[in-house]
Amino acid sequence: MKLRTVPFGLLLLYMLSGGGHRAQAADLEHGRDVFATECAECHSVREGKNKKGPTLFAIVGRKAGAVADATYSDPLKASGITWTPDRIDAYVSNPRKAVPGGKMKYDGLASSTERADLLAYLATLK
């Protein structure tokens, strides 16, 4: 299936996330590539398939620590985070800052464009 470029602001408004300030165009195919290189070693996008980390299927709008059979750190479970696009962006940017004491072994994704594309891709997983 070929993914197309979607205006990211419209996608976020559709998700009612309150993150409409990101009015750049997001590239879903590039987002899938970013997932493959940055996330796929530890996360799946298939519903019900956990790896080292929980599946990211339907991540947008989900409470942190809510995937059955996934292992979470106590700080993440106690964080009270709901994975909105803004929260995912902050977490992917710097997981240790977003959830101090969390166990995700990832230094973060510095590129805001790559994060926007990744978020747009993740938002399609429903």
C-alpha atoms as a PDB file:
ATOM      1  CA  MET A   1       0.000   0.000   0.000  1.00  0.00           C
ATOM      2  CA  LYS A   2       1.401   3.387  -0.966  1.00  0.00           C
ATOM      3  CA  LEU A   3       1.059   6.038   1.724  1.00  0.00           C
ATOM      4  CA  ARG A   4       0.604   9.649   0.697  1.00  0.00           C
ATOM      5  CA  THR A   5       1.627  12.958   2.131  1.00  0.00           C
ATOM      6  CA  VAL A   6      -1.012  14.423   4.447  1.00  0.00           C
ATOM      7  CA  PRO A   7      -1.083  17.937   5.896  1.00  0.00           C
ATOM      8  CA  PHE A   8       0.017  17.210   9.447  1.00  0.00           C
ATOM      9  CA  GLY A   9      -2.093  19.983  11.002  1.00  0.00           C
ATOM     10  CA  LEU A  10      -5.249  18.486   9.491  1.00  0.00           C
ATOM     11  CA  LEU A  11      -4.296  15.049  10.727  1.00  0.00           C
ATOM     12  CA  LEU A  12      -3.833  16.356  14.240  1.00  0.00           C
ATOM     13  CA  LEU A  13      -7.110  18.272  14.167  1.00  0.00           C
ATOM     14  CA  TYR A  14      -8.800  15.104  13.005  1.00  0.00           C
ATOM     15  CA  MET A  15      -7.388  13.324  16.036  1.00  0.00           C
ATOM     16  CA  LEU A  16      -8.631  16.171  18.276  1.00  0.00           C
ATOM     17  CA  SER A  17      -5.251  16.357  19.905  1.00  0.00           C
ATOM     18  CA  GLY A  18      -4.917  20.089  20.347  1.00  0.00           C
ATOM     19  CA  GLY A  19      -1.602  19.966  18.481  1.00  0.00           C
ATOM     20  CA  GLY A  20      -2.735  21.907  15.398  1.00  0.00           C
ATOM     21  CA  HIS A  21       0.208  24.278  15.703  1.00  0.00           C
ATOM     22  CA  ARG A  22       2.283  21.781  13.695  1.00  0.00           C
ATOM     23  CA  ALA A  23       0.968  22.936  10.334  1.00  0.00           C
ATOM     24  CA  GLN A  24       3.744  21.373   8.250  1.00  0.00           C
ATOM     25  CA  ALA A  25       3.111  18.585   5.773  1.00  0.00           C
ATOM     26  CA  ALA A  26       4.024  15.190   7.159  1.00  0.00           C
ATOM     27  CA  ASP A  27       5.331  12.411   4.946  1.00  0.00           C
ATOM     28  CA  LEU A  28       3.754   9.105   5.980  1.00  0.00           C
ATOM     29  CA  GLU A  29       6.138   6.970   3.916  1.00  0.00           C
ATOM     30  CA  HIS A  30       9.112   8.689   5.522  1.00  0.00           C
ATOM     31  CA  GLY A  31       7.422   8.198   8.907  1.00  0.00           C
ATOM     32  CA  ARG A  32       7.214   4.473   8.233  1.00  0.00           C
ATOM     33  CA  ASP A  33      10.921   4.503   7.333  1.00  0.00           C
ATOM     34  CA  VAL A  34      11.747   6.419  10.526  1.00  0.00           C
ATOM     35  CA  PHE A  35       9.808   3.806  12.500  1.00  0.00           C
ATOM     36  CA  ALA A  36      11.744   1.014  10.771  1.00  0.00           C
ATOM     37  CA  THR A  37      15.142   2.523  11.559  1.00  0.00           C
ATOM     38  CA  GLU A  38      14.465   4.071  14.980  1.00  0.00           C
ATOM     39  CA  CYS A  39      11.738   1.999  16.637  1.00  0.00           C
ATOM     40  CA  ALA A  40      11.177  -1.409  15.021  1.00  0.00           C
ATOM     41  CA  GLU A  41      13.958  -3.196  16.871  1.00  0.00           C
ATOM     42  CA  CYS A  42      11.958  -2.875  20.105  1.00  0.00           C
ATOM     43  CA  HIS A  43       8.378  -2.095  18.999  1.00  0.00           C
ATOM     44  CA  SER A  44       5.846  -3.624  16.640  1.00  0.00           C
ATOM     45  CA  VAL A  45       2.991  -1.847  14.880  1.00  0.00           C
ATOM     46  CA  ARG A  46       0.845  -4.973  14.845  1.00  0.00           C
ATOM     47  CA  GLU A  47      -2.057  -5.129  17.259  1.00  0.00           C
ATOM     48  CA  GLY A  48      -1.269  -7.490  20.129  1.00  0.00           C
ATOM     49  CA  LYS A  49       2.391  -8.023  19.143  1.00  0.00           C
ATOM     50  CA  ASN A  50       4.756  -6.796  21.834  1.00  0.00           C
ATOM     51  CA  LYS A  51       8.522  -7.001  21.521  1.00  0.00           C
ATOM     52  CA  LYS A  52      11.010  -5.591  24.061  1.00  0.00           C
ATOM     53  CA  GLY A  53       8.572  -2.691  24.223  1.00  0.00           C
ATOM     54  CA  PRO A  54       4.811  -2.609  23.748  1.00  0.00           C
ATOM     55  CA  THR A  55       3.109  -2.543  20.386  1.00  0.00           C
ATOM     56  CA  LEU A  56       2.638   0.973  19.043  1.00  0.00           C
ATOM     57  CA  PHE A  57      -0.596  -0.008  17.309  1.00  0.00           C
ATOM     58  CA  ALA A  58      -3.247   2.562  18.333  1.00  0.00           C
ATOM     59  CA  ILE A  59      -0.711   4.431  20.491  1.00  0.00           C
ATOM     60  CA  VAL A  60      -2.324   7.848  19.929  1.00  0.00           C
ATOM     61  CA  GLY A  61      -4.805   8.442  22.744  1.00  0.00           C
ATOM     62  CA  ARG A  62      -3.741   5.415  24.786  1.00  0.00           C
ATOM     63  CA  LYS A  63      -2.735   5.648  28.453  1.00  0.00           C
ATOM     64  CA  ALA A  64       0.908   4.859  29.194  1.00  0.00           C
ATOM     65  CA  GLY A  65       1.368   1.374  30.595  1.00  0.00           C
ATOM     66  CA  ALA A  66      -1.945   0.074  29.274  1.00  0.00           C
ATOM     67  CA  VAL A  67      -0.904  -2.709  26.871  1.00  0.00           C
ATOM     68  CA  ALA A  68      -1.582  -6.162  28.268  1.00  0.00           C
ATOM     69  CA  ASP A  69       1.421  -8.465  28.510  1.00  0.00           C
ATOM     70  CA  ALA A  70       3.909  -5.584  28.035  1.00  0.00           C
ATOM     71  CA  THR A  71       6.528  -4.832  30.658  1.00  0.00           C
ATOM     72  CA  TYR A  72       6.754  -1.230  31.857  1.00  0.00           C
ATOM     73  CA  SER A  73       8.946   0.627  34.309  1.00  0.00           C
ATOM     74  CA  ASP A  74       7.312   1.833  37.509  1.00  0.00           C
ATOM     75  CA  PRO A  75       7.960   5.502  36.577  1.00  0.00           C
ATOM     76  CA  LEU A  76       6.157   5.083  33.245  1.00  0.00           C
ATOM     77  CA  LYS A  77       3.219   3.268  34.854  1.00  0.00           C
ATOM     78  CA  ALA A  78       2.956   6.053  37.462  1.00  0.00           C
ATOM     79  CA  SER A  79       3.380   8.879  34.929  1.00  0.00           C
ATOM     80  CA  GLY A  80      -0.313   9.347  34.161  1.00  0.00           C
ATOM     81  CA  ILE A  81       0.625  10.095  30.540  1.00  0.00           C
ATOM     82  CA  THR A  82      -1.917   9.814  27.780  1.00  0.00           C
ATOM     83  CA  TRP A  83      -0.080   9.453  24.489  1.00  0.00           C
ATOM     84  CA  THR A  84      -1.190  12.560  22.625  1.00  0.00           C
ATOM     85  CA  PRO A  85       0.932  13.652  19.659  1.00  0.00           C
ATOM     86  CA  ASP A  86       2.608  16.303  21.842  1.00  0.00           C
ATOM     87  CA  ARG A  87       3.442  13.735  24.545  1.00  0.00           C
ATOM     88  CA  ILE A  88       4.749  11.233  21.996  1.00  0.00           C
ATOM     89  CA  ASP A  89       6.848  13.972  20.389  1.00  0.00           C
ATOM     90  CA  ALA A  90       8.375  14.957  23.747  1.00  0.00           C
ATOM     91  CA  TYR A  91       9.004  11.319  24.668  1.00  0.00           C
ATOM     92  CA  VAL A  92      10.601  10.372  21.359  1.00  0.00           C
ATOM     93  CA  SER A  93      12.702  13.531  21.502  1.00  0.00           C
ATOM     94  CA  ASN A  94      14.156  12.675  24.924  1.00  0.00           C
ATOM     95  CA  PRO A  95      12.690   9.639  26.727  1.00  0.00           C
ATOM     96  CA  ARG A  96      14.802  10.060  29.863  1.00  0.00           C
ATOM     97  CA  LYS A  97      13.664  13.661  30.322  1.00  0.00           C
ATOM     98  CA  ALA A  98      10.010  12.869  29.568  1.00  0.00           C
ATOM     99  CA  VAL A  99       9.929   9.959  32.046  1.00  0.00           C
ATOM    100  CA  PRO A 100      12.847  10.156  34.483  1.00  0.00           C
ATOM    101  CA  GLY A 101      13.786   6.674  35.655  1.00  0.00           C
ATOM    102  CA  GLY A 102      12.054   4.979  32.723  1.00  0.00           C
ATOM    103  CA  LYS A 103      13.684   1.961  31.161  1.00  0.00           C
ATOM    104  CA  MET A 104      13.556   2.848  27.459  1.00  0.00           C
ATOM    105  CA  LYS A 105      17.112   2.604  26.169  1.00  0.00           C
ATOM    106  CA  TYR A 106      16.894   5.204  23.415  1.00  0.00           C
ATOM    107  CA  ASP A 107      18.755   8.501  23.256  1.00  0.00           C
ATOM    108  CA  GLY A 108      16.005  10.329  21.372  1.00  0.00           C
ATOM    109  CA  LEU A 109      15.265  11.574  17.874  1.00  0.00           C
ATOM    110  CA  ALA A 110      16.557  15.127  17.421  1.00  0.00           C
ATOM    111  CA  SER A 111      14.964  15.928  14.062  1.00  0.00           C
ATOM    112  CA  SER A 112      11.574  17.599  14.467  1.00  0.00           C
ATOM    113  CA  THR A 113      10.753  16.746  10.834  1.00  0.00           C
ATOM    114  CA  GLU A 114      11.448  13.058  11.397  1.00  0.00           C
ATOM    115  CA  ARG A 115       9.389  13.121  14.590  1.00  0.00           C
ATOM    116  CA  ALA A 116       6.482  14.794  12.758  1.00  0.00           C
ATOM    117  CA  ASP A 117       6.624  12.169  10.018  1.00  0.00           C
ATOM    118  CA  LEU A 118       6.842   9.380  12.602  1.00  0.00           C
ATOM    119  CA  LEU A 119       3.866  10.799  14.514  1.00  0.00           C
ATOM    120  CA  ALA A 120       1.817  11.063  11.336  1.00  0.00           C
ATOM    121  CA  TYR A 121       2.582   7.419  10.578  1.00  0.00           C
ATOM    122  CA  LEU A 122       1.776   6.274  14.109  1.00  0.00           C
ATOM    123  CA  ALA A 123      -1.546   8.128  13.933  1.00  0.00           C
ATOM    124  CA  THR A 124      -2.586   5.903  11.013  1.00  0.00           C
ATOM    125  CA  LEU A 125      -2.252   2.751  13.103  1.00  0.00           C
ATOM    126  CA  LYS A 126      -5.797   2.065  14.272  1.00  0.00           C
END
